[in-house]
Amino acid sequence: SNQIHSLKTDEKQAKIYAFVFSPKLFFSSEESVFSKYLERLVLPTYRLTGPLDFDLLYHTFKNAKANYEWQILACLVPLFLEIFEGHPYIPVNQEPNKDIVLVKKIMIYLEEHFQDKITLSKVSKEVGVCKTEICRIFKEQTTFTIMDFLNEVRIEKSLYLLKQGEMTITEIAQSVGFNASSYYAQVFKKMIGVSPKTYLFKQKNI
């Protein structure tokens, strides 16, 4: 936790699986060797170079047979060994990065108010930092703008509503914070690769 995560793909369309697991899978006490290293790991950017069988990891979790937790642990240990060997650690008494704290505060605000009319002035006032600084820091830490992130949040929320099939595209656009359905469609196609109408049609025919 307390880290900003992001990912990019060179493909126009890609299916992403997020393997999220509790640290308790590795350790249940402060004395654990995993706790000693994992909690102080500095990992701003990481590209996997060693072998990791994602298909095995996925199917092991999906099937959840007896002792599957041990099988998952066995898959993950080589990954963490590679990470530990090539990255530095945060000193125990080091303060959290102020820029990252600010970015997280902005992200939380946007996640909680995505349905509202949000401006940079409102965000600036909420976090107590001038517009120029929040824009600069956010871009430096995440590689995208505040408004780009807001649109990502809104589009992600709209995907759920489209899958439900209970609202029109115009209603969905308005419910996630877009003033105009035409702009919603423009942003949606840019991020998802197809229009909301096409996406909705595909969902109905799955």
N, C-alpha and C. Protein backbone atom coordinates (compact mmCIF):
# COMPACT_ATOMS: atom_id res chain seq x y z
N SER A 1 0.84 -1.19 0.00
CA SER A 1 0.00 0.00 0.00
C SER A 1 0.88 1.25 0.00
N ASN A 2 0.23 2.42 0.00
CA ASN A 2 0.94 3.70 -0.01
C ASN A 2 1.88 3.84 -1.20
N GLN A 3 1.58 3.12 -2.29
CA GLN A 3 2.35 3.24 -3.51
C GLN A 3 1.38 3.49 -4.66
N ILE A 4 1.81 4.29 -5.65
CA ILE A 4 1.00 4.54 -6.82
C ILE A 4 1.32 3.48 -7.86
N HIS A 5 0.30 2.86 -8.40
CA HIS A 5 0.48 1.81 -9.38
C HIS A 5 -0.03 2.27 -10.74
N SER A 6 0.66 1.88 -11.79
CA SER A 6 0.19 2.18 -13.14
C SER A 6 0.76 1.15 -14.09
N LEU A 7 0.14 1.02 -15.25
CA LEU A 7 0.66 0.11 -16.26
C LEU A 7 0.28 0.62 -17.63
N LYS A 8 1.06 0.21 -18.63
CA LYS A 8 0.80 0.59 -20.01
C LYS A 8 0.99 -0.63 -20.89
N THR A 9 0.33 -0.63 -22.04
CA THR A 9 0.50 -1.70 -23.01
C THR A 9 0.70 -1.12 -24.40
N ASP A 10 1.47 -1.80 -25.20
CA ASP A 10 1.68 -1.37 -26.58
C ASP A 10 0.53 -1.80 -27.47
N GLU A 11 -0.30 -2.71 -26.96
CA GLU A 11 -1.44 -3.19 -27.73
C GLU A 11 -2.62 -2.23 -27.61
N LYS A 12 -3.41 -2.11 -28.69
CA LYS A 12 -4.58 -1.24 -28.66
C LYS A 12 -5.66 -1.82 -27.76
N GLN A 13 -5.78 -3.14 -27.76
CA GLN A 13 -6.74 -3.81 -26.89
C GLN A 13 -6.01 -4.90 -26.13
N ALA A 14 -6.26 -4.96 -24.85
CA ALA A 14 -5.59 -5.97 -24.03
C ALA A 14 -6.47 -6.32 -22.85
N LYS A 15 -6.41 -7.56 -22.43
CA LYS A 15 -7.13 -8.00 -21.24
C LYS A 15 -6.13 -8.03 -20.10
N ILE A 16 -6.48 -7.40 -18.99
CA ILE A 16 -5.56 -7.27 -17.87
C ILE A 16 -6.08 -8.05 -16.67
N TYR A 17 -5.24 -8.89 -16.11
CA TYR A 17 -5.56 -9.60 -14.88
C TYR A 17 -4.70 -9.04 -13.77
N ALA A 18 -5.33 -8.62 -12.70
CA ALA A 18 -4.59 -8.09 -11.55
C ALA A 18 -4.56 -9.15 -10.46
N PHE A 19 -3.38 -9.64 -10.14
CA PHE A 19 -3.22 -10.62 -9.07
C PHE A 19 -2.95 -9.87 -7.77
N VAL A 20 -3.97 -9.74 -6.96
CA VAL A 20 -3.86 -9.00 -5.70
C VAL A 20 -3.90 -10.01 -4.56
N PHE A 21 -2.91 -9.95 -3.70
CA PHE A 21 -2.85 -10.91 -2.61
C PHE A 21 -2.41 -10.22 -1.33
N SER A 22 -2.84 -10.74 -0.23
CA SER A 22 -2.50 -10.17 1.07
C SER A 22 -1.06 -10.51 1.44
N PRO A 23 -0.35 -9.55 2.07
CA PRO A 23 1.00 -9.86 2.57
C PRO A 23 1.01 -11.05 3.52
N LYS A 24 -0.15 -11.34 4.13
CA LYS A 24 -0.23 -12.46 5.06
C LYS A 24 0.02 -13.79 4.37
N LEU A 25 -0.09 -13.79 3.03
CA LEU A 25 0.24 -15.00 2.29
C LEU A 25 1.72 -15.34 2.49
N PHE A 26 2.54 -14.30 2.72
CA PHE A 26 3.97 -14.48 2.89
C PHE A 26 4.40 -14.46 4.35
N PHE A 27 3.72 -13.65 5.14
CA PHE A 27 4.14 -13.56 6.53
C PHE A 27 2.97 -13.19 7.42
N SER A 28 3.02 -13.63 8.65
CA SER A 28 1.96 -13.33 9.61
C SER A 28 2.51 -12.68 10.86
N SER A 29 3.80 -12.36 10.86
CA SER A 29 4.41 -11.72 12.02
C SER A 29 5.51 -10.78 11.56
N GLU A 30 5.87 -9.84 12.41
CA GLU A 30 6.90 -8.85 12.07
C GLU A 30 8.27 -9.50 11.93
N GLU A 31 8.45 -10.69 12.50
CA GLU A 31 9.75 -11.34 12.45
C GLU A 31 9.98 -12.07 11.12
N SER A 32 8.95 -12.18 10.30
CA SER A 32 9.08 -12.92 9.06
C SER A 32 10.15 -12.33 8.16
N VAL A 33 10.87 -13.20 7.43
CA VAL A 33 11.90 -12.72 6.51
C VAL A 33 11.27 -11.92 5.38
N PHE A 34 10.06 -12.27 4.95
CA PHE A 34 9.38 -11.51 3.91
C PHE A 34 9.02 -10.12 4.42
N SER A 35 8.58 -10.04 5.67
CA SER A 35 8.23 -8.75 6.25
C SER A 35 9.45 -7.84 6.30
N LYS A 36 10.59 -8.42 6.63
CA LYS A 36 11.83 -7.66 6.75
C LYS A 36 12.16 -6.91 5.46
N TYR A 37 11.97 -7.56 4.32
CA TYR A 37 12.35 -6.97 3.03
C TYR A 37 11.19 -6.31 2.30
N LEU A 38 10.03 -6.95 2.30
CA LEU A 38 8.91 -6.49 1.49
C LEU A 38 8.41 -5.12 1.90
N GLU A 39 8.34 -4.85 3.20
CA GLU A 39 7.76 -3.60 3.67
C GLU A 39 8.65 -2.39 3.39
N ARG A 40 9.93 -2.59 3.09
CA ARG A 40 10.83 -1.46 2.85
C ARG A 40 11.37 -1.44 1.42
N LEU A 41 10.70 -2.15 0.55
CA LEU A 41 11.16 -2.22 -0.84
C LEU A 41 10.80 -0.95 -1.60
N VAL A 42 11.77 -0.40 -2.34
CA VAL A 42 11.54 0.75 -3.21
C VAL A 42 11.43 0.22 -4.63
N LEU A 43 10.26 0.37 -5.24
CA LEU A 43 10.04 -0.23 -6.55
C LEU A 43 9.25 0.71 -7.45
N PRO A 44 9.86 1.82 -7.90
CA PRO A 44 9.14 2.78 -8.73
C PRO A 44 8.73 2.21 -10.08
N THR A 45 9.60 1.41 -10.70
CA THR A 45 9.30 0.79 -11.99
C THR A 45 9.88 -0.61 -12.00
N TYR A 46 9.10 -1.56 -12.48
CA TYR A 46 9.61 -2.93 -12.51
C TYR A 46 9.12 -3.65 -13.76
N ARG A 47 10.02 -4.23 -14.49
CA ARG A 47 9.68 -5.04 -15.66
C ARG A 47 10.17 -6.46 -15.40
N LEU A 48 9.25 -7.39 -15.40
CA LEU A 48 9.58 -8.78 -15.11
C LEU A 48 10.50 -9.35 -16.19
N THR A 49 11.62 -9.91 -15.77
CA THR A 49 12.55 -10.50 -16.73
C THR A 49 12.67 -12.01 -16.54
N GLY A 50 12.38 -12.47 -15.34
CA GLY A 50 12.48 -13.89 -15.06
C GLY A 50 11.20 -14.63 -15.40
N PRO A 51 11.22 -15.95 -15.30
CA PRO A 51 10.04 -16.75 -15.65
C PRO A 51 8.96 -16.66 -14.58
N LEU A 52 7.74 -16.43 -15.01
CA LEU A 52 6.59 -16.47 -14.11
C LEU A 52 5.42 -16.98 -14.93
N ASP A 53 4.89 -18.12 -14.54
CA ASP A 53 3.82 -18.76 -15.30
C ASP A 53 2.48 -18.15 -14.90
N PHE A 54 2.06 -17.10 -15.63
CA PHE A 54 0.81 -16.42 -15.31
C PHE A 54 -0.39 -17.33 -15.54
N ASP A 55 -0.32 -18.17 -16.55
CA ASP A 55 -1.44 -19.09 -16.81
C ASP A 55 -1.63 -20.05 -15.64
N LEU A 56 -0.52 -20.57 -15.13
CA LEU A 56 -0.58 -21.48 -13.99
C LEU A 56 -1.13 -20.74 -12.77
N LEU A 57 -0.67 -19.52 -12.56
CA LEU A 57 -1.13 -18.71 -11.43
C LEU A 57 -2.63 -18.47 -11.52
N TYR A 58 -3.09 -18.11 -12.71
CA TYR A 58 -4.51 -17.82 -12.93
C TYR A 58 -5.38 -19.06 -12.71
N HIS A 59 -5.01 -20.17 -13.33
CA HIS A 59 -5.83 -21.38 -13.24
C HIS A 59 -5.78 -22.00 -11.85
N THR A 60 -4.64 -21.86 -11.18
CA THR A 60 -4.54 -22.36 -9.80
C THR A 60 -5.52 -21.63 -8.90
N PHE A 61 -5.58 -20.31 -9.05
CA PHE A 61 -6.51 -19.52 -8.23
C PHE A 61 -7.96 -19.79 -8.63
N LYS A 62 -8.21 -19.86 -9.92
CA LYS A 62 -9.58 -20.05 -10.41
C LYS A 62 -10.15 -21.39 -9.97
N ASN A 63 -9.34 -22.44 -10.02
CA ASN A 63 -9.83 -23.77 -9.66
C ASN A 63 -9.87 -23.97 -8.15
N ALA A 64 -8.97 -23.29 -7.43
CA ALA A 64 -8.96 -23.30 -5.96
C ALA A 64 -9.09 -24.70 -5.36
N LYS A 65 -8.24 -25.60 -5.81
CA LYS A 65 -8.25 -26.94 -5.25
C LYS A 65 -7.55 -26.95 -3.90
N ALA A 66 -7.53 -28.11 -3.27
CA ALA A 66 -6.89 -28.23 -1.96
C ALA A 66 -5.43 -27.77 -2.03
N ASN A 67 -5.04 -26.99 -1.04
CA ASN A 67 -3.66 -26.49 -0.93
C ASN A 67 -3.26 -25.52 -2.04
N TYR A 68 -4.27 -24.89 -2.68
CA TYR A 68 -3.94 -23.99 -3.79
C TYR A 68 -3.12 -22.79 -3.34
N GLU A 69 -3.28 -22.38 -2.06
CA GLU A 69 -2.50 -21.25 -1.57
C GLU A 69 -0.99 -21.54 -1.63
N TRP A 70 -0.63 -22.76 -1.31
CA TRP A 70 0.77 -23.13 -1.36
C TRP A 70 1.28 -23.12 -2.80
N GLN A 71 0.43 -23.53 -3.73
CA GLN A 71 0.82 -23.52 -5.14
C GLN A 71 1.04 -22.09 -5.64
N ILE A 72 0.17 -21.17 -5.21
CA ILE A 72 0.32 -19.77 -5.58
C ILE A 72 1.60 -19.20 -4.99
N LEU A 73 1.85 -19.52 -3.73
CA LEU A 73 3.06 -19.06 -3.07
C LEU A 73 4.31 -19.53 -3.82
N ALA A 74 4.27 -20.78 -4.26
CA ALA A 74 5.41 -21.33 -5.00
C ALA A 74 5.63 -20.59 -6.32
N CYS A 75 4.54 -20.12 -6.93
CA CYS A 75 4.65 -19.35 -8.18
C CYS A 75 5.25 -17.97 -7.93
N LEU A 76 4.92 -17.37 -6.79
CA LEU A 76 5.30 -15.99 -6.52
C LEU A 76 6.70 -15.83 -5.94
N VAL A 77 7.18 -16.83 -5.24
CA VAL A 77 8.49 -16.72 -4.59
C VAL A 77 9.61 -16.37 -5.58
N PRO A 78 9.72 -17.02 -6.75
CA PRO A 78 10.78 -16.64 -7.70
C PRO A 78 10.68 -15.18 -8.14
N LEU A 79 9.45 -14.68 -8.27
CA LEU A 79 9.26 -13.28 -8.65
C LEU A 79 9.84 -12.35 -7.60
N PHE A 80 9.53 -12.61 -6.33
CA PHE A 80 10.02 -11.73 -5.28
C PHE A 80 11.52 -11.86 -5.07
N LEU A 81 12.05 -13.03 -5.30
CA LEU A 81 13.51 -13.18 -5.23
C LEU A 81 14.19 -12.28 -6.26
N GLU A 82 13.63 -12.24 -7.47
CA GLU A 82 14.19 -11.38 -8.52
C GLU A 82 14.08 -9.91 -8.13
N ILE A 83 12.94 -9.53 -7.57
CA ILE A 83 12.73 -8.13 -7.17
C ILE A 83 13.69 -7.74 -6.05
N PHE A 84 13.80 -8.58 -5.02
CA PHE A 84 14.65 -8.26 -3.88
C PHE A 84 16.11 -8.10 -4.27
N GLU A 85 16.55 -8.87 -5.24
CA GLU A 85 17.96 -8.85 -5.63
C GLU A 85 18.35 -7.60 -6.42
N GLY A 86 17.37 -6.91 -7.00
CA GLY A 86 17.72 -5.81 -7.88
C GLY A 86 17.22 -4.44 -7.50
N HIS A 87 16.67 -4.27 -6.29
CA HIS A 87 16.11 -2.97 -5.94
C HIS A 87 16.47 -2.56 -4.51
N PRO A 88 16.58 -1.26 -4.28
CA PRO A 88 16.97 -0.74 -2.97
C PRO A 88 15.82 -0.76 -1.96
N TYR A 89 16.16 -0.38 -0.73
CA TYR A 89 15.18 -0.39 0.35
C TYR A 89 15.09 0.97 1.03
N ILE A 90 13.91 1.26 1.55
CA ILE A 90 13.68 2.51 2.26
C ILE A 90 14.19 2.38 3.70
N PRO A 91 14.98 3.33 4.19
CA PRO A 91 15.38 3.30 5.60
C PRO A 91 14.14 3.31 6.49
N VAL A 92 14.21 2.61 7.60
CA VAL A 92 13.06 2.46 8.48
C VAL A 92 12.48 3.80 8.93
N ASN A 93 13.33 4.80 9.17
CA ASN A 93 12.87 6.08 9.71
C ASN A 93 12.59 7.12 8.62
N GLN A 94 12.59 6.73 7.35
CA GLN A 94 12.39 7.70 6.27
C GLN A 94 10.93 8.10 6.15
N GLU A 95 10.67 9.40 5.97
CA GLU A 95 9.31 9.91 5.83
C GLU A 95 8.76 9.57 4.44
N PRO A 96 7.43 9.40 4.31
CA PRO A 96 6.82 9.14 3.01
C PRO A 96 7.08 10.30 2.05
N ASN A 97 7.20 10.00 0.77
CA ASN A 97 7.40 11.02 -0.25
C ASN A 97 6.20 11.96 -0.29
N LYS A 98 6.45 13.26 -0.09
CA LYS A 98 5.35 14.24 -0.02
C LYS A 98 4.57 14.34 -1.32
N ASP A 99 5.27 14.21 -2.44
CA ASP A 99 4.58 14.28 -3.73
C ASP A 99 3.62 13.11 -3.92
N ILE A 100 4.05 11.92 -3.50
CA ILE A 100 3.19 10.75 -3.62
C ILE A 100 1.98 10.87 -2.70
N VAL A 101 2.19 11.40 -1.51
CA VAL A 101 1.08 11.63 -0.58
C VAL A 101 0.07 12.58 -1.21
N LEU A 102 0.56 13.64 -1.85
CA LEU A 102 -0.31 14.62 -2.51
C LEU A 102 -1.09 13.97 -3.65
N VAL A 103 -0.40 13.19 -4.48
CA VAL A 103 -1.05 12.54 -5.61
C VAL A 103 -2.13 11.58 -5.14
N LYS A 104 -1.85 10.83 -4.08
CA LYS A 104 -2.86 9.92 -3.55
C LYS A 104 -4.08 10.68 -3.03
N LYS A 105 -3.83 11.82 -2.42
CA LYS A 105 -4.94 12.64 -1.92
C LYS A 105 -5.81 13.13 -3.08
N ILE A 106 -5.16 13.53 -4.17
CA ILE A 106 -5.90 13.97 -5.35
C ILE A 106 -6.70 12.81 -5.94
N MET A 107 -6.08 11.65 -6.04
CA MET A 107 -6.75 10.48 -6.60
C MET A 107 -7.98 10.09 -5.79
N ILE A 108 -7.84 10.11 -4.48
CA ILE A 108 -8.96 9.77 -3.61
C ILE A 108 -10.10 10.75 -3.79
N TYR A 109 -9.75 12.03 -3.87
CA TYR A 109 -10.78 13.06 -4.08
C TYR A 109 -11.52 12.83 -5.40
N LEU A 110 -10.79 12.54 -6.46
CA LEU A 110 -11.41 12.31 -7.76
C LEU A 110 -12.27 11.06 -7.76
N GLU A 111 -11.81 10.02 -7.09
CA GLU A 111 -12.57 8.77 -7.00
C GLU A 111 -13.89 8.98 -6.26
N GLU A 112 -13.86 9.84 -5.26
CA GLU A 112 -15.05 10.06 -4.44
C GLU A 112 -16.01 11.09 -5.02
N HIS A 113 -15.53 11.92 -5.95
CA HIS A 113 -16.36 13.00 -6.49
C HIS A 113 -16.45 12.99 -8.02
N PHE A 114 -16.19 11.83 -8.63
CA PHE A 114 -16.16 11.77 -10.09
C PHE A 114 -17.49 12.17 -10.74
N GLN A 115 -18.58 12.05 -10.00
CA GLN A 115 -19.90 12.40 -10.55
C GLN A 115 -20.14 13.91 -10.56
N ASP A 116 -19.33 14.64 -9.81
CA ASP A 116 -19.51 16.09 -9.70
C ASP A 116 -18.81 16.82 -10.85
N LYS A 117 -19.10 18.10 -10.96
CA LYS A 117 -18.38 18.94 -11.91
C LYS A 117 -17.06 19.32 -11.27
N ILE A 118 -15.99 18.76 -11.78
CA ILE A 118 -14.66 18.94 -11.17
C ILE A 118 -13.79 19.83 -12.04
N THR A 119 -13.17 20.81 -11.41
CA THR A 119 -12.22 21.69 -12.09
C THR A 119 -10.89 21.63 -11.35
N LEU A 120 -9.84 22.09 -12.00
CA LEU A 120 -8.53 22.13 -11.35
C LEU A 120 -8.55 23.06 -10.14
N SER A 121 -9.36 24.09 -10.22
CA SER A 121 -9.48 25.03 -9.09
C SER A 121 -10.06 24.32 -7.87
N LYS A 122 -11.06 23.46 -8.10
CA LYS A 122 -11.66 22.72 -6.99
C LYS A 122 -10.66 21.74 -6.39
N VAL A 123 -9.92 21.06 -7.25
CA VAL A 123 -8.92 20.11 -6.77
C VAL A 123 -7.84 20.84 -5.98
N SER A 124 -7.40 21.97 -6.51
CA SER A 124 -6.38 22.78 -5.85
C SER A 124 -6.83 23.21 -4.46
N LYS A 125 -8.07 23.66 -4.37
CA LYS A 125 -8.61 24.10 -3.09
C LYS A 125 -8.73 22.94 -2.11
N GLU A 126 -9.11 21.78 -2.61
CA GLU A 126 -9.30 20.60 -1.77
C GLU A 126 -8.00 20.15 -1.12
N VAL A 127 -6.90 20.19 -1.88
CA VAL A 127 -5.63 19.68 -1.35
C VAL A 127 -4.73 20.78 -0.82
N GLY A 128 -5.11 22.04 -1.02
CA GLY A 128 -4.35 23.16 -0.48
C GLY A 128 -3.04 23.44 -1.19
N VAL A 129 -2.99 23.14 -2.49
CA VAL A 129 -1.78 23.40 -3.29
C VAL A 129 -2.23 24.07 -4.58
N CYS A 130 -1.44 25.02 -5.08
CA CYS A 130 -1.83 25.77 -6.27
C CYS A 130 -1.97 24.87 -7.50
N LYS A 131 -2.74 25.33 -8.48
CA LYS A 131 -3.03 24.54 -9.68
C LYS A 131 -1.76 24.14 -10.43
N THR A 132 -0.86 25.09 -10.57
CA THR A 132 0.38 24.80 -11.31
C THR A 132 1.15 23.65 -10.68
N GLU A 133 1.23 23.66 -9.36
CA GLU A 133 1.99 22.63 -8.65
C GLU A 133 1.31 21.27 -8.70
N ILE A 134 -0.01 21.24 -8.50
CA ILE A 134 -0.68 19.93 -8.52
C ILE A 134 -0.61 19.30 -9.91
N CYS A 135 -0.68 20.13 -10.94
CA CYS A 135 -0.58 19.61 -12.31
C CYS A 135 0.82 19.06 -12.58
N ARG A 136 1.83 19.80 -12.14
CA ARG A 136 3.21 19.38 -12.36
C ARG A 136 3.53 18.10 -11.61
N ILE A 137 3.20 18.08 -10.32
CA ILE A 137 3.51 16.93 -9.48
C ILE A 137 2.75 15.69 -9.93
N PHE A 138 1.47 15.85 -10.25
CA PHE A 138 0.66 14.71 -10.67
C PHE A 138 1.23 14.10 -11.95
N LYS A 139 1.60 14.95 -12.90
CA LYS A 139 2.15 14.46 -14.17
C LYS A 139 3.50 13.77 -13.95
N GLU A 140 4.32 14.33 -13.10
CA GLU A 140 5.63 13.74 -12.82
C GLU A 140 5.51 12.35 -12.19
N GLN A 141 4.55 12.21 -11.28
CA GLN A 141 4.43 10.96 -10.53
C GLN A 141 3.64 9.88 -11.26
N THR A 142 2.76 10.29 -12.18
CA THR A 142 1.88 9.30 -12.82
C THR A 142 2.05 9.21 -14.34
N THR A 143 2.66 10.23 -14.95
CA THR A 143 2.85 10.37 -16.41
C THR A 143 1.59 10.80 -17.14
N PHE A 144 0.47 11.03 -16.43
CA PHE A 144 -0.71 11.56 -17.09
C PHE A 144 -1.29 12.71 -16.29
N THR A 145 -2.20 13.46 -16.91
CA THR A 145 -2.74 14.66 -16.26
C THR A 145 -3.86 14.30 -15.29
N ILE A 146 -4.22 15.27 -14.46
CA ILE A 146 -5.30 15.08 -13.51
C ILE A 146 -6.60 14.79 -14.23
N MET A 147 -6.88 15.53 -15.31
CA MET A 147 -8.13 15.33 -16.04
C MET A 147 -8.14 14.00 -16.80
N ASP A 148 -6.97 13.57 -17.24
CA ASP A 148 -6.89 12.25 -17.87
C ASP A 148 -7.25 11.16 -16.86
N PHE A 149 -6.73 11.31 -15.65
CA PHE A 149 -7.05 10.33 -14.60
C PHE A 149 -8.54 10.36 -14.27
N LEU A 150 -9.10 11.56 -14.18
CA LEU A 150 -10.53 11.69 -13.89
C LEU A 150 -11.35 10.99 -14.97
N ASN A 151 -10.98 11.19 -16.22
CA ASN A 151 -11.69 10.52 -17.31
C ASN A 151 -11.56 9.01 -17.23
N GLU A 152 -10.37 8.54 -16.82
CA GLU A 152 -10.17 7.10 -16.64
C GLU A 152 -11.14 6.55 -15.60
N VAL A 153 -11.26 7.27 -14.49
CA VAL A 153 -12.17 6.86 -13.43
C VAL A 153 -13.60 6.82 -13.94
N ARG A 154 -14.01 7.87 -14.62
CA ARG A 154 -15.38 7.96 -15.13
C ARG A 154 -15.69 6.86 -16.14
N ILE A 155 -14.77 6.61 -17.04
CA ILE A 155 -14.98 5.56 -18.04
C ILE A 155 -15.07 4.20 -17.37
N GLU A 156 -14.20 3.96 -16.38
CA GLU A 156 -14.22 2.69 -15.66
C GLU A 156 -15.56 2.49 -14.96
N LYS A 157 -16.08 3.53 -14.34
CA LYS A 157 -17.39 3.44 -13.69
C LYS A 157 -18.49 3.18 -14.71
N SER A 158 -18.36 3.79 -15.88
CA SER A 158 -19.40 3.63 -16.91
C SER A 158 -19.42 2.21 -17.48
N LEU A 159 -18.27 1.55 -17.50
CA LEU A 159 -18.22 0.17 -18.01
C LEU A 159 -19.14 -0.74 -17.20
N TYR A 160 -19.13 -0.55 -15.90
CA TYR A 160 -19.99 -1.35 -15.02
C TYR A 160 -21.46 -1.10 -15.35
N LEU A 161 -21.81 0.17 -15.54
CA LEU A 161 -23.20 0.52 -15.84
C LEU A 161 -23.63 -0.01 -17.20
N LEU A 162 -22.72 0.02 -18.17
CA LEU A 162 -23.03 -0.52 -19.49
C LEU A 162 -23.30 -2.02 -19.42
N LYS A 163 -22.52 -2.71 -18.61
CA LYS A 163 -22.71 -4.15 -18.46
C LYS A 163 -24.03 -4.48 -17.78
N GLN A 164 -24.50 -3.58 -16.92
CA GLN A 164 -25.78 -3.81 -16.26
C GLN A 164 -26.94 -3.73 -17.24
N GLY A 165 -26.80 -2.87 -18.25
CA GLY A 165 -27.81 -2.75 -19.30
C GLY A 165 -29.13 -2.15 -18.86
N GLU A 166 -29.12 -1.36 -17.80
CA GLU A 166 -30.36 -0.79 -17.28
C GLU A 166 -30.52 0.70 -17.58
N MET A 167 -29.51 1.32 -18.17
CA MET A 167 -29.55 2.76 -18.45
C MET A 167 -29.17 3.01 -19.90
N THR A 168 -29.64 4.15 -20.43
CA THR A 168 -29.23 4.54 -21.77
C THR A 168 -27.81 5.10 -21.71
N ILE A 169 -27.18 5.22 -22.87
CA ILE A 169 -25.83 5.76 -22.92
C ILE A 169 -25.79 7.20 -22.42
N THR A 170 -26.81 7.97 -22.76
CA THR A 170 -26.88 9.36 -22.28
C THR A 170 -27.00 9.41 -20.77
N GLU A 171 -27.83 8.54 -20.20
CA GLU A 171 -28.00 8.50 -18.75
C GLU A 171 -26.70 8.09 -18.06
N ILE A 172 -26.01 7.14 -18.64
CA ILE A 172 -24.73 6.69 -18.07
C ILE A 172 -23.70 7.81 -18.11
N ALA A 173 -23.62 8.49 -19.25
CA ALA A 173 -22.67 9.60 -19.39
C ALA A 173 -22.89 10.65 -18.31
N GLN A 174 -24.13 11.00 -18.08
CA GLN A 174 -24.45 12.02 -17.07
C GLN A 174 -24.19 11.50 -15.66
N SER A 175 -24.46 10.24 -15.42
CA SER A 175 -24.32 9.70 -14.07
C SER A 175 -22.86 9.58 -13.63
N VAL A 176 -21.93 9.51 -14.60
CA VAL A 176 -20.52 9.40 -14.23
C VAL A 176 -19.77 10.73 -14.37
N GLY A 177 -20.52 11.81 -14.64
CA GLY A 177 -19.89 13.13 -14.60
C GLY A 177 -19.65 13.83 -15.92
N PHE A 178 -20.04 13.21 -17.04
CA PHE A 178 -19.88 13.87 -18.34
C PHE A 178 -21.09 14.74 -18.64
N ASN A 179 -20.86 15.99 -19.01
CA ASN A 179 -21.96 16.90 -19.31
C ASN A 179 -22.62 16.59 -20.64
N ALA A 180 -21.86 16.04 -21.58
CA ALA A 180 -22.39 15.75 -22.91
C ALA A 180 -22.08 14.31 -23.30
N SER A 181 -23.07 13.61 -23.83
CA SER A 181 -22.88 12.21 -24.22
C SER A 181 -21.90 12.11 -25.39
N SER A 182 -21.83 13.16 -26.22
CA SER A 182 -20.91 13.14 -27.36
C SER A 182 -19.45 13.14 -26.88
N TYR A 183 -19.16 13.93 -25.84
CA TYR A 183 -17.81 13.95 -25.30
C TYR A 183 -17.49 12.63 -24.59
N TYR A 184 -18.49 12.09 -23.90
CA TYR A 184 -18.33 10.78 -23.25
C TYR A 184 -17.97 9.72 -24.29
N ALA A 185 -18.67 9.73 -25.42
CA ALA A 185 -18.41 8.76 -26.48
C ALA A 185 -17.01 8.93 -27.06
N GLN A 186 -16.58 10.18 -27.17
CA GLN A 186 -15.25 10.49 -27.70
C GLN A 186 -14.16 9.95 -26.78
N VAL A 187 -14.30 10.23 -25.49
CA VAL A 187 -13.31 9.76 -24.50
C VAL A 187 -13.35 8.24 -24.40
N PHE A 188 -14.55 7.68 -24.41
CA PHE A 188 -14.73 6.23 -24.30
C PHE A 188 -14.00 5.51 -25.43
N LYS A 189 -14.21 5.97 -26.66
CA LYS A 189 -13.58 5.32 -27.81
C LYS A 189 -12.07 5.45 -27.77
N LYS A 190 -11.59 6.58 -27.30
CA LYS A 190 -10.15 6.79 -27.20
C LYS A 190 -9.52 5.81 -26.22
N MET A 191 -10.21 5.53 -25.12
CA MET A 191 -9.66 4.68 -24.07
C MET A 191 -9.95 3.19 -24.29
N ILE A 192 -11.15 2.87 -24.76
CA ILE A 192 -11.56 1.48 -24.87
C ILE A 192 -11.35 0.92 -26.28
N GLY A 193 -11.35 1.81 -27.27
CA GLY A 193 -11.12 1.35 -28.64
C GLY A 193 -12.36 1.21 -29.48
N VAL A 194 -13.52 1.23 -28.84
CA VAL A 194 -14.80 1.17 -29.55
C VAL A 194 -15.74 2.18 -28.93
N SER A 195 -16.84 2.48 -29.60
CA SER A 195 -17.81 3.43 -29.06
C SER A 195 -18.64 2.76 -27.96
N PRO A 196 -19.27 3.54 -27.07
CA PRO A 196 -20.14 2.96 -26.04
C PRO A 196 -21.25 2.11 -26.65
N LYS A 197 -21.78 2.55 -27.79
CA LYS A 197 -22.86 1.81 -28.46
C LYS A 197 -22.38 0.44 -28.91
N THR A 198 -21.19 0.39 -29.50
CA THR A 198 -20.62 -0.89 -29.94
C THR A 198 -20.31 -1.78 -28.75
N TYR A 199 -19.76 -1.20 -27.70
CA TYR A 199 -19.44 -1.96 -26.49
C TYR A 199 -20.71 -2.56 -25.89
N LEU A 200 -21.77 -1.76 -25.84
CA LEU A 200 -23.05 -2.20 -25.29
C LEU A 200 -23.62 -3.34 -26.13
N PHE A 201 -23.52 -3.21 -27.44
CA PHE A 201 -24.02 -4.26 -28.34
C PHE A 201 -23.27 -5.57 -28.11
N LYS A 202 -21.95 -5.48 -27.95
CA LYS A 202 -21.15 -6.69 -27.72
C LYS A 202 -21.51 -7.35 -26.39
N GLN A 203 -21.79 -6.53 -25.38
CA GLN A 203 -22.16 -7.07 -24.07
C GLN A 203 -23.47 -7.84 -24.14
N LYS A 204 -24.40 -7.34 -24.93
CA LYS A 204 -25.71 -7.98 -25.05
C LYS A 204 -25.63 -9.29 -25.81
N ASN A 205 -24.55 -9.46 -26.58
CA ASN A 205 -24.43 -10.67 -27.41
C ASN A 205 -23.39 -11.65 -26.89
N ILE A 206 -22.94 -11.41 -25.67
CA ILE A 206 -21.99 -12.35 -25.06
C ILE A 206 -22.73 -13.59 -24.58
